[in-house]
Amino acid sequence: MAQTIYLRCTSLGEAVLLLAAVLGYGPEHDLDTGREIWPGAGVHDGTRYDVDFVGAIRVPTGEMIETDEGPTPVLAPVEGYHVNILWWGDTPPDFGVAVVTPATPSRTFAI
């Protein structure tokens, strides 16, 4: 059964370092061009995982402003850089204090 692990880091750099340390995640290199390719999935200790670099999240504040398009909600950033991991095994690895439990996730995996 797959499960989503929600992570919040201080930056993209910190997120990549965390994924590298916990999952061995890192770039691959295109043999034809030599360019770095950051994969959307990988395998750790025989278990598949998918990665979604969500980045910054903004949520409505409850305030509205008037624009040329009409009333528009005011958005405020949620602290941190967000990454979702879809873990296809039983027990996921320990991501430490980066694991969060959002009340209403802004993005989920379609499985």
C-alpha atoms as a PDB file:
ATOM      1  CA  MET A   1       0.000   0.000   0.000  1.00  0.00           C
ATOM      2  CA  ALA A   2       1.427   3.371  -0.985  1.00  0.00           C
ATOM      3  CA  GLN A   3       1.585   6.230   1.500  1.00  0.00           C
ATOM      4  CA  THR A   4       2.420   9.890   1.074  1.00  0.00           C
ATOM      5  CA  ILE A   5       5.085  11.456   3.268  1.00  0.00           C
ATOM      6  CA  TYR A   6       4.886  15.245   3.456  1.00  0.00           C
ATOM      7  CA  LEU A   7       8.170  17.050   4.079  1.00  0.00           C
ATOM      8  CA  ARG A   8       8.903  20.678   4.917  1.00  0.00           C
ATOM      9  CA  CYS A   9      12.464  21.959   4.644  1.00  0.00           C
ATOM     10  CA  THR A  10      13.886  25.465   4.815  1.00  0.00           C
ATOM     11  CA  SER A  11      14.975  25.474   1.158  1.00  0.00           C
ATOM     12  CA  LEU A  12      15.297  23.425  -2.016  1.00  0.00           C
ATOM     13  CA  GLY A  13      18.957  22.851  -1.143  1.00  0.00           C
ATOM     14  CA  GLU A  14      18.081  21.455   2.269  1.00  0.00           C
ATOM     15  CA  ALA A  15      15.411  19.229   0.701  1.00  0.00           C
ATOM     16  CA  VAL A  16      17.875  17.776  -1.819  1.00  0.00           C
ATOM     17  CA  LEU A  17      20.437  17.143   0.941  1.00  0.00           C
ATOM     18  CA  LEU A  18      17.786  15.393   3.055  1.00  0.00           C
ATOM     19  CA  LEU A  19      16.650  13.196   0.152  1.00  0.00           C
ATOM     20  CA  ALA A  20      20.268  12.364  -0.673  1.00  0.00           C
ATOM     21  CA  ALA A  21      21.028  11.407   2.940  1.00  0.00           C
ATOM     22  CA  VAL A  22      17.879   9.339   3.511  1.00  0.00           C
ATOM     23  CA  LEU A  23      17.166   7.845   0.068  1.00  0.00           C
ATOM     24  CA  GLY A  24      20.434   8.225  -1.828  1.00  0.00           C
ATOM     25  CA  TYR A  25      18.511  10.532  -4.179  1.00  0.00           C
ATOM     26  CA  GLY A  26      20.479  12.585  -6.667  1.00  0.00           C
ATOM     27  CA  PRO A  27      20.792  13.586 -10.292  1.00  0.00           C
ATOM     28  CA  GLU A  28      21.379  11.243 -13.168  1.00  0.00           C
ATOM     29  CA  HIS A  29      23.284  12.315 -16.276  1.00  0.00           C
ATOM     30  CA  ASP A  30      21.938  12.137 -19.817  1.00  0.00           C
ATOM     31  CA  LEU A  31      24.508  10.112 -21.767  1.00  0.00           C
ATOM     32  CA  ASP A  32      23.886  12.065 -24.968  1.00  0.00           C
ATOM     33  CA  THR A  33      23.943  15.622 -23.614  1.00  0.00           C
ATOM     34  CA  GLY A  34      25.706  15.253 -20.269  1.00  0.00           C
ATOM     35  CA  ARG A  35      22.939  17.302 -18.647  1.00  0.00           C
ATOM     36  CA  GLU A  36      21.757  16.579 -15.129  1.00  0.00           C
ATOM     37  CA  ILE A  37      18.335  14.980 -14.891  1.00  0.00           C
ATOM     38  CA  TRP A  38      16.535  14.952 -11.559  1.00  0.00           C
ATOM     39  CA  PRO A  39      14.365  11.818 -11.546  1.00  0.00           C
ATOM     40  CA  GLY A  40      10.769  11.807 -10.363  1.00  0.00           C
ATOM     41  CA  ALA A  41      11.134   8.336  -8.872  1.00  0.00           C
ATOM     42  CA  GLY A  42      13.713   5.986  -7.450  1.00  0.00           C
ATOM     43  CA  VAL A  43      14.298   2.836  -5.442  1.00  0.00           C
ATOM     44  CA  HIS A  44      15.592   2.703  -1.875  1.00  0.00           C
ATOM     45  CA  ASP A  45      16.395  -0.657  -0.237  1.00  0.00           C
ATOM     46  CA  GLY A  46      14.248  -2.389  -2.851  1.00  0.00           C
ATOM     47  CA  THR A  47      11.231  -0.105  -2.405  1.00  0.00           C
ATOM     48  CA  ARG A  48      10.020   2.339  -5.036  1.00  0.00           C
ATOM     49  CA  TYR A  49       9.336   5.969  -4.196  1.00  0.00           C
ATOM     50  CA  ASP A  50       8.078   8.939  -6.216  1.00  0.00           C
ATOM     51  CA  VAL A  51       9.150  12.539  -5.566  1.00  0.00           C
ATOM     52  CA  ASP A  52       7.110  15.717  -6.030  1.00  0.00           C
ATOM     53  CA  PHE A  53       9.029  18.947  -5.426  1.00  0.00           C
ATOM     54  CA  VAL A  54       6.066  21.126  -4.467  1.00  0.00           C
ATOM     55  CA  GLY A  55       8.115  24.160  -3.434  1.00  0.00           C
ATOM     56  CA  ALA A  56       6.398  27.181  -1.943  1.00  0.00           C
ATOM     57  CA  ILE A  57       2.758  26.863  -0.928  1.00  0.00           C
ATOM     58  CA  ARG A  58       0.334  29.774  -0.596  1.00  0.00           C
ATOM     59  CA  VAL A  59      -2.992  29.602   1.207  1.00  0.00           C
ATOM     60  CA  PRO A  60      -5.963  32.003   1.370  1.00  0.00           C
ATOM     61  CA  THR A  61      -5.933  34.411   4.325  1.00  0.00           C
ATOM     62  CA  GLY A  62      -9.687  34.949   4.279  1.00  0.00           C
ATOM     63  CA  GLU A  63      -9.262  38.480   2.928  1.00  0.00           C
ATOM     64  CA  MET A  64     -10.378  39.514  -0.544  1.00  0.00           C
ATOM     65  CA  ILE A  65      -9.082  42.265  -2.811  1.00  0.00           C
ATOM     66  CA  GLU A  66     -10.777  43.789  -5.829  1.00  0.00           C
ATOM     67  CA  THR A  67      -8.944  43.284  -9.138  1.00  0.00           C
ATOM     68  CA  ASP A  68      -9.784  43.747 -12.821  1.00  0.00           C
ATOM     69  CA  GLU A  69     -10.899  40.098 -12.715  1.00  0.00           C
ATOM     70  CA  GLY A  70     -13.208  40.727  -9.777  1.00  0.00           C
ATOM     71  CA  PRO A  71     -12.839  39.748  -6.104  1.00  0.00           C
ATOM     72  CA  THR A  72      -9.638  37.761  -5.557  1.00  0.00           C
ATOM     73  CA  PRO A  73      -8.494  35.980  -2.385  1.00  0.00           C
ATOM     74  CA  VAL A  74      -5.343  37.260  -0.691  1.00  0.00           C
ATOM     75  CA  LEU A  75      -2.760  34.477  -0.391  1.00  0.00           C
ATOM     76  CA  ALA A  76      -0.027  34.091   2.215  1.00  0.00           C
ATOM     77  CA  PRO A  77       2.982  31.758   2.053  1.00  0.00           C
ATOM     78  CA  VAL A  78       3.202  28.662   4.225  1.00  0.00           C
ATOM     79  CA  GLU A  79       6.643  28.488   5.813  1.00  0.00           C
ATOM     80  CA  GLY A  80       9.247  26.290   4.113  1.00  0.00           C
ATOM     81  CA  TYR A  81       9.987  24.417   0.900  1.00  0.00           C
ATOM     82  CA  HIS A  82       7.690  21.421   0.488  1.00  0.00           C
ATOM     83  CA  VAL A  83       8.349  17.973  -0.976  1.00  0.00           C
ATOM     84  CA  ASN A  84       5.962  15.028  -1.190  1.00  0.00           C
ATOM     85  CA  ILE A  85       7.241  11.440  -1.261  1.00  0.00           C
ATOM     86  CA  LEU A  86       5.006   8.575  -2.354  1.00  0.00           C
ATOM     87  CA  TRP A  87       6.420   5.507  -0.582  1.00  0.00           C
ATOM     88  CA  TRP A  88       5.380   2.165  -2.076  1.00  0.00           C
ATOM     89  CA  GLY A  89       6.522  -0.031   0.822  1.00  0.00           C
ATOM     90  CA  ASP A  90       5.451  -0.867   4.328  1.00  0.00           C
ATOM     91  CA  THR A  91       7.739   1.150   6.593  1.00  0.00           C
ATOM     92  CA  PRO A  92       9.129   4.385   5.174  1.00  0.00           C
ATOM     93  CA  PRO A  93      12.587   5.633   6.103  1.00  0.00           C
ATOM     94  CA  ASP A  94      12.938   8.229   8.855  1.00  0.00           C
ATOM     95  CA  PHE A  95      12.965  11.788   7.517  1.00  0.00           C
ATOM     96  CA  GLY A  96      13.172  13.214  11.037  1.00  0.00           C
ATOM     97  CA  VAL A  97      11.753  16.619  11.874  1.00  0.00           C
ATOM     98  CA  ALA A  98      11.072  17.413   8.197  1.00  0.00           C
ATOM     99  CA  VAL A  99       7.910  15.258   8.286  1.00  0.00           C
ATOM    100  CA  VAL A 100       4.713  17.282   8.600  1.00  0.00           C
ATOM    101  CA  THR A 101       1.037  16.342   8.604  1.00  0.00           C
ATOM    102  CA  PRO A 102      -0.938  18.935   6.639  1.00  0.00           C
ATOM    103  CA  ALA A 103      -4.618  19.273   7.518  1.00  0.00           C
ATOM    104  CA  THR A 104      -5.457  19.799   3.842  1.00  0.00           C
ATOM    105  CA  PRO A 105      -2.588  18.877   1.492  1.00  0.00           C
ATOM    106  CA  SER A 106      -2.257  21.269  -1.437  1.00  0.00           C
ATOM    107  CA  ARG A 107      -1.005  18.493  -3.754  1.00  0.00           C
ATOM    108  CA  THR A 108      -1.439  14.746  -3.667  1.00  0.00           C
ATOM    109  CA  PHE A 109      -0.451  11.833  -5.863  1.00  0.00           C
ATOM    110  CA  ALA A 110      -3.086  10.352  -8.180  1.00  0.00           C
ATOM    111  CA  ILE A 111      -2.887   6.622  -7.489  1.00  0.00           C
END
